[in-house]
C-alpha cells in the first residue's frame, strides 16, 4: 500500500464537505497523482490492526502521556 497516497487521501476525506472521489483528489492535486493511483491504493491490501499500529505508532509515541487515553471509533 502506498502510504503517501493514503495520507493524502485521508486528508482529502477529512477536509471535504461534499462528494469525494479519486478523480476529485487527482483534480485537486492538478494531476500530480492520478485517479488510477488512488484507485489502486484503495484496492490494495487491507489494513490490519497490526499494520495500522505500525503506521501510527511513531505519532502516538510523540504525544503519549501517562494519564492519556486513545479512543478509536470503528463504525463498521
PDB file of N, CA and C in Angstrom:
ATOM      1  N   UNK A   1       0.843  -1.182   0.000  1.00  0.00           N
ATOM      2  CA  UNK A   1       0.000   0.000   0.000  1.00  0.00           C
ATOM      3  C   UNK A   1       0.884   1.239   0.000  1.00  0.00           C
ATOM      4  N   UNK A   2       0.516   2.202  -0.797  1.00  0.00           N
ATOM      5  CA  UNK A   2       1.260   3.450  -0.872  1.00  0.00           C
ATOM      6  C   UNK A   2       0.760   4.379   0.238  1.00  0.00           C
ATOM      7  N   UNK A   3       1.539   4.475   1.322  1.00  0.00           N
ATOM      8  CA  UNK A   3       1.106   5.242   2.485  1.00  0.00           C
ATOM      9  C   UNK A   3       1.123   6.747   2.238  1.00  0.00           C
ATOM     10  N   UNK A   4       1.903   7.227   1.280  1.00  0.00           N
ATOM     11  CA  UNK A   4       1.872   8.647   0.945  1.00  0.00           C
ATOM     12  C   UNK A   4       0.525   9.023   0.326  1.00  0.00           C
ATOM     13  N   UNK A   5       0.041   8.176  -0.559  1.00  0.00           N
ATOM     14  CA  UNK A   5      -1.266   8.421  -1.163  1.00  0.00           C
ATOM     15  C   UNK A   5      -2.360   8.242  -0.113  1.00  0.00           C
ATOM     16  N   UNK A   6      -2.220   7.240   0.750  1.00  0.00           N
ATOM     17  CA  UNK A   6      -3.190   7.024   1.818  1.00  0.00           C
ATOM     18  C   UNK A   6      -3.288   8.259   2.711  1.00  0.00           C
ATOM     19  N   UNK A   7      -2.164   8.857   3.041  1.00  0.00           N
ATOM     20  CA  UNK A   7      -2.140  10.053   3.877  1.00  0.00           C
ATOM     21  C   UNK A   7      -2.855  11.210   3.176  1.00  0.00           C
ATOM     22  N   UNK A   8      -2.546  11.418   1.909  1.00  0.00           N
ATOM     23  CA  UNK A   8      -3.217  12.473   1.138  1.00  0.00           C
ATOM     24  C   UNK A   8      -4.717  12.212   1.030  1.00  0.00           C
ATOM     25  N   UNK A   9      -5.069  10.975   0.758  1.00  0.00           N
ATOM     26  CA  UNK A   9      -6.474  10.634   0.589  1.00  0.00           C
ATOM     27  C   UNK A   9      -7.231  10.830   1.900  1.00  0.00           C
ATOM     28  N   UNK A  10      -6.624  10.452   3.014  1.00  0.00           N
ATOM     29  CA  UNK A  10      -7.254  10.649   4.328  1.00  0.00           C
ATOM     30  C   UNK A  10      -7.487  12.131   4.598  1.00  0.00           C
ATOM     31  N   UNK A  11      -6.476  12.951   4.316  1.00  0.00           N
ATOM     32  CA  UNK A  11      -6.629  14.402   4.490  1.00  0.00           C
ATOM     33  C   UNK A  11      -7.741  14.942   3.587  1.00  0.00           C
ATOM     34  N   UNK A  12      -7.794  14.449   2.371  1.00  0.00           N
ATOM     35  CA  UNK A  12      -8.828  14.858   1.415  1.00  0.00           C
ATOM     36  C   UNK A  12     -10.219  14.518   1.957  1.00  0.00           C
ATOM     37  N   UNK A  13     -10.392  13.317   2.487  1.00  0.00           N
ATOM     38  CA  UNK A  13     -11.691  12.919   3.029  1.00  0.00           C
ATOM     39  C   UNK A  13     -12.074  13.773   4.227  1.00  0.00           C
ATOM     40  N   UNK A  14     -11.108  14.043   5.099  1.00  0.00           N
ATOM     41  CA  UNK A  14     -11.388  14.818   6.308  1.00  0.00           C
ATOM     42  C   UNK A  14     -11.714  16.284   6.017  1.00  0.00           C
ATOM     43  N   UNK A  15     -11.142  16.816   4.966  1.00  0.00           N
ATOM     44  CA  UNK A  15     -11.307  18.247   4.689  1.00  0.00           C
ATOM     45  C   UNK A  15     -12.411  18.553   3.682  1.00  0.00           C
ATOM     46  N   UNK A  16     -13.006  17.533   3.087  1.00  0.00           N
ATOM     47  CA  UNK A  16     -14.031  17.757   2.068  1.00  0.00           C
ATOM     48  C   UNK A  16     -15.412  17.915   2.694  1.00  0.00           C
ATOM     49  N   UNK A  17     -16.210  18.766   2.095  1.00  0.00           N
ATOM     50  CA  UNK A  17     -17.572  18.994   2.560  1.00  0.00           C
ATOM     51  C   UNK A  17     -18.602  18.330   1.665  1.00  0.00           C
ATOM     52  N   UNK A  18     -18.186  17.900   0.512  1.00  0.00           N
ATOM     53  CA  UNK A  18     -19.112  17.285  -0.438  1.00  0.00           C
ATOM     54  C   UNK A  18     -18.655  15.893  -0.826  1.00  0.00           C
ATOM     55  N   UNK A  19     -19.092  15.487  -1.994  1.00  0.00           N
ATOM     56  CA  UNK A  19     -18.754  14.171  -2.522  1.00  0.00           C
ATOM     57  C   UNK A  19     -17.248  14.075  -2.752  1.00  0.00           C
ATOM     58  N   UNK A  20     -16.666  12.941  -2.401  1.00  0.00           N
ATOM     59  CA  UNK A  20     -15.240  12.717  -2.616  1.00  0.00           C
ATOM     60  C   UNK A  20     -15.044  11.558  -3.589  1.00  0.00           C
ATOM     61  N   UNK A  21     -14.108  11.732  -4.500  1.00  0.00           N
ATOM     62  CA  UNK A  21     -13.800  10.689  -5.476  1.00  0.00           C
ATOM     63  C   UNK A  21     -12.298  10.686  -5.737  1.00  0.00           C
ATOM     64  N   UNK A  22     -11.820   9.591  -6.287  1.00  0.00           N
ATOM     65  CA  UNK A  22     -10.410   9.518  -6.685  1.00  0.00           C
ATOM     66  C   UNK A  22     -10.114  10.558  -7.755  1.00  0.00           C
ATOM     67  N   UNK A  23     -11.073  10.768  -8.657  1.00  0.00           N
ATOM     68  CA  UNK A  23     -10.915  11.775  -9.700  1.00  0.00           C
ATOM     69  C   UNK A  23     -10.866  13.174  -9.095  1.00  0.00           C
ATOM     70  N   UNK A  24     -11.686  13.411  -8.084  1.00  0.00           N
ATOM     71  CA  UNK A  24     -11.686  14.704  -7.411  1.00  0.00           C
ATOM     72  C   UNK A  24     -10.355  15.008  -6.751  1.00  0.00           C
ATOM     73  N   UNK A  25      -9.759  14.003  -6.110  1.00  0.00           N
ATOM     74  CA  UNK A  25      -8.444  14.191  -5.498  1.00  0.00           C
ATOM     75  C   UNK A  25      -7.391  14.465  -6.562  1.00  0.00           C
ATOM     76  N   UNK A  26      -7.418  13.711  -7.655  1.00  0.00           N
ATOM     77  CA  UNK A  26      -6.453  13.923  -8.743  1.00  0.00           C
ATOM     78  C   UNK A  26      -6.591  15.327  -9.312  1.00  0.00           C
ATOM     79  N   UNK A  27      -7.811  15.790  -9.466  1.00  0.00           N
ATOM     80  CA  UNK A  27      -8.054  17.136  -9.986  1.00  0.00           C
ATOM     81  C   UNK A  27      -7.525  18.182  -8.999  1.00  0.00           C
ATOM     82  N   UNK A  28      -7.769  17.974  -7.715  1.00  0.00           N
ATOM     83  CA  UNK A  28      -7.301  18.894  -6.687  1.00  0.00           C
ATOM     84  C   UNK A  28      -5.776  18.985  -6.681  1.00  0.00           C
ATOM     85  N   UNK A  29      -5.118  17.863  -6.913  1.00  0.00           N
ATOM     86  CA  UNK A  29      -3.648  17.814  -6.931  1.00  0.00           C
ATOM     87  C   UNK A  29      -3.087  18.148  -8.309  1.00  0.00           C
ATOM     88  N   UNK A  30      -3.945  18.598  -9.197  1.00  0.00           N
ATOM     89  CA  UNK A  30      -3.560  19.009 -10.550  1.00  0.00           C
ATOM     90  C   UNK A  30      -2.762  17.930 -11.287  1.00  0.00           C
ATOM     91  N   UNK A  31      -3.193  16.680 -11.124  1.00  0.00           N
ATOM     92  CA  UNK A  31      -2.585  15.580 -11.846  1.00  0.00           C
ATOM     93  C   UNK A  31      -1.294  15.035 -11.267  1.00  0.00           C
ATOM     94  N   UNK A  32      -0.840  15.577 -10.130  1.00  0.00           N
ATOM     95  CA  UNK A  32       0.390  15.068  -9.514  1.00  0.00           C
ATOM     96  C   UNK A  32       0.244  13.594  -9.153  1.00  0.00           C
ATOM     97  N   UNK A  33      -0.963  13.229  -8.746  1.00  0.00           N
ATOM     98  CA  UNK A  33      -1.311  11.831  -8.509  1.00  0.00           C
ATOM     99  C   UNK A  33      -2.561  11.559  -9.337  1.00  0.00           C
ATOM    100  N   UNK A  34      -2.542  10.480 -10.110  1.00  0.00           N
ATOM    101  CA  UNK A  34      -3.684  10.189 -10.975  1.00  0.00           C
ATOM    102  C   UNK A  34      -4.793   9.488 -10.199  1.00  0.00           C
ATOM    103  N   UNK A  35      -6.000   9.554 -10.736  1.00  0.00           N
ATOM    104  CA  UNK A  35      -7.106   8.854 -10.085  1.00  0.00           C
ATOM    105  C   UNK A  35      -6.878   7.343 -10.109  1.00  0.00           C
ATOM    106  N   UNK A  36      -6.146   6.845 -11.115  1.00  0.00           N
ATOM    107  CA  UNK A  36      -5.820   5.416 -11.159  1.00  0.00           C
ATOM    108  C   UNK A  36      -4.916   5.017  -9.991  1.00  0.00           C
ATOM    109  N   UNK A  37      -3.972   5.875  -9.621  1.00  0.00           N
ATOM    110  CA  UNK A  37      -3.095   5.582  -8.476  1.00  0.00           C
ATOM    111  C   UNK A  37      -3.906   5.510  -7.193  1.00  0.00           C
ATOM    112  N   UNK A  38      -4.852   6.411  -7.038  1.00  0.00           N
ATOM    113  CA  UNK A  38      -5.705   6.413  -5.848  1.00  0.00           C
ATOM    114  C   UNK A  38      -6.554   5.146  -5.821  1.00  0.00           C
ATOM    115  N   UNK A  39      -7.143   4.807  -6.963  1.00  0.00           N
ATOM    116  CA  UNK A  39      -7.983   3.612  -7.043  1.00  0.00           C
ATOM    117  C   UNK A  39      -7.185   2.352  -6.738  1.00  0.00           C
ATOM    118  N   UNK A  40      -5.966   2.245  -7.267  1.00  0.00           N
ATOM    119  CA  UNK A  40      -5.121   1.073  -6.979  1.00  0.00           C
ATOM    120  C   UNK A  40      -4.776   0.996  -5.499  1.00  0.00           C
ATOM    121  N   UNK A  41      -4.498   2.151  -4.878  1.00  0.00           N
ATOM    122  CA  UNK A  41      -4.179   2.170  -3.448  1.00  0.00           C
ATOM    123  C   UNK A  41      -5.386   1.680  -2.651  1.00  0.00           C
ATOM    124  N   UNK A  42      -6.573   2.143  -3.010  1.00  0.00           N
ATOM    125  CA  UNK A  42      -7.771   1.741  -2.281  1.00  0.00           C
ATOM    126  C   UNK A  42      -8.091   0.253  -2.473  1.00  0.00           C
ATOM    127  N   UNK A  43      -7.714  -0.305  -3.616  1.00  0.00           N
ATOM    128  CA  UNK A  43      -7.995  -1.713  -3.906  1.00  0.00           C
ATOM    129  C   UNK A  43      -6.894  -2.641  -3.413  1.00  0.00           C
ATOM    130  N   UNK A  44      -5.808  -2.085  -2.907  1.00  0.00           N
ATOM    131  CA  UNK A  44      -4.683  -2.919  -2.487  1.00  0.00           C
ATOM    132  C   UNK A  44      -4.970  -3.563  -1.123  1.00  0.00           C
ATOM    133  N   UNK A  45      -3.958  -4.065  -0.516  1.00  0.00           N
ATOM    134  CA  UNK A  45      -4.099  -4.815   0.732  1.00  0.00           C
ATOM    135  C   UNK A  45      -4.950  -4.080   1.761  1.00  0.00           C
ATOM    136  N   UNK A  46      -5.681  -4.864   2.536  1.00  0.00           N
ATOM    137  CA  UNK A  46      -6.494  -4.300   3.598  1.00  0.00           C
ATOM    138  C   UNK A  46      -5.600  -4.041   4.812  1.00  0.00           C
ATOM    139  N   UNK A  47      -5.795  -2.903   5.437  1.00  0.00           N
ATOM    140  CA  UNK A  47      -5.018  -2.598   6.631  1.00  0.00           C
ATOM    141  C   UNK A  47      -5.518  -3.434   7.798  1.00  0.00           C
ATOM    142  N   UNK A  48      -4.630  -4.178   8.406  1.00  0.00           N
ATOM    143  CA  UNK A  48      -4.967  -4.928   9.603  1.00  0.00           C
ATOM    144  C   UNK A  48      -4.645  -4.062  10.814  1.00  0.00           C
ATOM    145  N   UNK A  49      -5.067  -4.490  11.983  1.00  0.00           N
ATOM    146  CA  UNK A  49      -4.756  -3.755  13.205  1.00  0.00           C
ATOM    147  C   UNK A  49      -3.238  -3.653  13.395  1.00  0.00           C
ATOM    148  N   UNK A  50      -2.539  -4.722  13.088  1.00  0.00           N
ATOM    149  CA  UNK A  50      -1.082  -4.732  13.226  1.00  0.00           C
ATOM    150  C   UNK A  50      -0.427  -3.737  12.267  1.00  0.00           C
ATOM    151  N   UNK A  51      -0.861  -3.744  11.012  1.00  0.00           N
ATOM    152  CA  UNK A  51      -0.310  -2.826  10.010  1.00  0.00           C
ATOM    153  C   UNK A  51      -0.626  -1.379  10.385  1.00  0.00           C
ATOM    154  N   UNK A  52      -1.862  -1.132  10.814  1.00  0.00           N
ATOM    155  CA  UNK A  52      -2.269   0.214  11.194  1.00  0.00           C
ATOM    156  C   UNK A  52      -1.442   0.716  12.378  1.00  0.00           C
ATOM    157  N   UNK A  53      -1.222  -0.156  13.386  1.00  0.00           N
ATOM    158  CA  UNK A  53      -0.433   0.254  14.555  1.00  0.00           C
ATOM    159  C   UNK A  53       0.994   0.610  14.146  1.00  0.00           C
ATOM    160  N   UNK A  54       1.592  -0.168  13.261  1.00  0.00           N
ATOM    161  CA  UNK A  54       2.943   0.155  12.794  1.00  0.00           C
ATOM    162  C   UNK A  54       2.975   1.514  12.091  1.00  0.00           C
ATOM    163  N   UNK A  55       1.876   1.852  11.426  1.00  0.00           N
ATOM    164  CA  UNK A  55       1.796   3.113  10.710  1.00  0.00           C
ATOM    165  C   UNK A  55       1.650   4.307  11.657  1.00  0.00           C
ATOM    166  N   UNK A  56       0.835   4.176  12.680  1.00  0.00           N
ATOM    167  CA  UNK A  56       0.555   5.322  13.565  1.00  0.00           C
ATOM    168  C   UNK A  56       1.411   5.354  14.827  1.00  0.00           C
ATOM    169  N   UNK A  57       2.103   4.275  15.133  1.00  0.00           N
ATOM    170  CA  UNK A  57       2.873   4.188  16.377  1.00  0.00           C
ATOM    171  C   UNK A  57       3.861   5.347  16.573  1.00  0.00           C
ATOM    172  N   UNK A  58       4.632   5.758  15.552  1.00  0.00           N
ATOM    173  CA  UNK A  58       5.567   6.867  15.779  1.00  0.00           C
ATOM    174  C   UNK A  58       4.874   8.157  16.228  1.00  0.00           C
ATOM    175  N   UNK A  59       3.711   8.454  15.641  1.00  0.00           N
ATOM    176  CA  UNK A  59       2.984   9.663  16.031  1.00  0.00           C
ATOM    177  C   UNK A  59       2.398   9.525  17.440  1.00  0.00           C
ATOM    178  N   UNK A  60       1.900   8.350  17.757  1.00  0.00           N
ATOM    179  CA  UNK A  60       1.346   8.116  19.090  1.00  0.00           C
ATOM    180  C   UNK A  60       2.435   8.268  20.145  1.00  0.00           C
ATOM    181  N   UNK A  61       3.599   7.717  19.890  1.00  0.00           N
ATOM    182  CA  UNK A  61       4.698   7.797  20.860  1.00  0.00           C
ATOM    183  C   UNK A  61       5.144   9.239  21.097  1.00  0.00           C
ATOM    184  N   UNK A  62       5.005  10.097  20.087  1.00  0.00           N
ATOM    185  CA  UNK A  62       5.401  11.500  20.240  1.00  0.00           C
ATOM    186  C   UNK A  62       4.474  12.253  21.186  1.00  0.00           C
ATOM    187  N   UNK A  63       3.207  11.886  21.237  1.00  0.00           N
ATOM    188  CA  UNK A  63       2.249  12.654  22.031  1.00  0.00           C
ATOM    189  C   UNK A  63       1.715  11.901  23.249  1.00  0.00           C
ATOM    190  N   UNK A  64       2.174  10.672  23.473  1.00  0.00           N
ATOM    191  CA  UNK A  64       1.621   9.900  24.582  1.00  0.00           C
ATOM    192  C   UNK A  64       1.943  10.533  25.929  1.00  0.00           C
ATOM    193  N   UNK A  65       1.022  10.339  26.863  1.00  0.00           N
ATOM    194  CA  UNK A  65       1.190  10.825  28.230  1.00  0.00           C
ATOM    195  C   UNK A  65       0.773   9.724  29.182  1.00  0.00           C
ATOM    196  N   UNK A  66       1.301   9.772  30.381  1.00  0.00           N
ATOM    197  CA  UNK A  66       0.988   8.766  31.406  1.00  0.00           C
ATOM    198  C   UNK A  66      -0.512   8.724  31.701  1.00  0.00           C
ATOM    199  N   UNK A  67      -1.175   9.878  31.699  1.00  0.00           N
ATOM    200  CA  UNK A  67      -2.590   9.941  32.048  1.00  0.00           C
ATOM    201  C   UNK A  67      -3.502  10.027  30.817  1.00  0.00           C
ATOM    202  N   UNK A  68      -2.959   9.761  29.631  1.00  0.00           N
ATOM    203  CA  UNK A  68      -3.729   9.883  28.402  1.00  0.00           C
ATOM    204  C   UNK A  68      -4.412   8.605  28.005  1.00  0.00           C
ATOM    205  N   UNK A  69      -5.409   8.724  27.146  1.00  0.00           N
ATOM    206  CA  UNK A  69      -6.099   7.566  26.575  1.00  0.00           C
ATOM    207  C   UNK A  69      -6.251   7.799  25.081  1.00  0.00           C
ATOM    208  N   UNK A  70      -6.386   6.729  24.336  1.00  0.00           N
ATOM    209  CA  UNK A  70      -6.637   6.822  22.907  1.00  0.00           C
ATOM    210  C   UNK A  70      -7.951   6.130  22.625  1.00  0.00           C
ATOM    211  N   UNK A  71      -8.852   6.825  21.965  1.00  0.00           N
ATOM    212  CA  UNK A  71     -10.148   6.280  21.629  1.00  0.00           C
ATOM    213  C   UNK A  71     -10.206   6.110  20.110  1.00  0.00           C
ATOM    214  N   UNK A  72     -10.542   4.896  19.676  1.00  0.00           N
ATOM    215  CA  UNK A  72     -10.635   4.606  18.247  1.00  0.00           C
ATOM    216  C   UNK A  72     -12.068   4.184  17.973  1.00  0.00           C
ATOM    217  N   UNK A  73     -12.675   4.817  16.985  1.00  0.00           N
ATOM    218  CA  UNK A  73     -14.047   4.505  16.606  1.00  0.00           C
ATOM    219  C   UNK A  73     -14.033   3.795  15.266  1.00  0.00           C
ATOM    220  N   UNK A  74     -14.464   2.555  15.261  1.00  0.00           N
ATOM    221  CA  UNK A  74     -14.560   1.781  14.020  1.00  0.00           C
ATOM    222  C   UNK A  74     -16.040   1.591  13.700  1.00  0.00           C
ATOM    223  N   UNK A  75     -16.563   2.393  12.779  1.00  0.00           N
ATOM    224  CA  UNK A  75     -18.019   2.343  12.523  1.00  0.00           C
ATOM    225  C   UNK A  75     -18.483   1.100  11.779  1.00  0.00           C
ATOM    226  N   UNK A  76     -17.564   0.255  11.343  1.00  0.00           N
ATOM    227  CA  UNK A  76     -18.003  -0.921  10.574  1.00  0.00           C
ATOM    228  C   UNK A  76     -18.318  -2.089  11.449  1.00  0.00           C
TER     229      UNK A  76
END
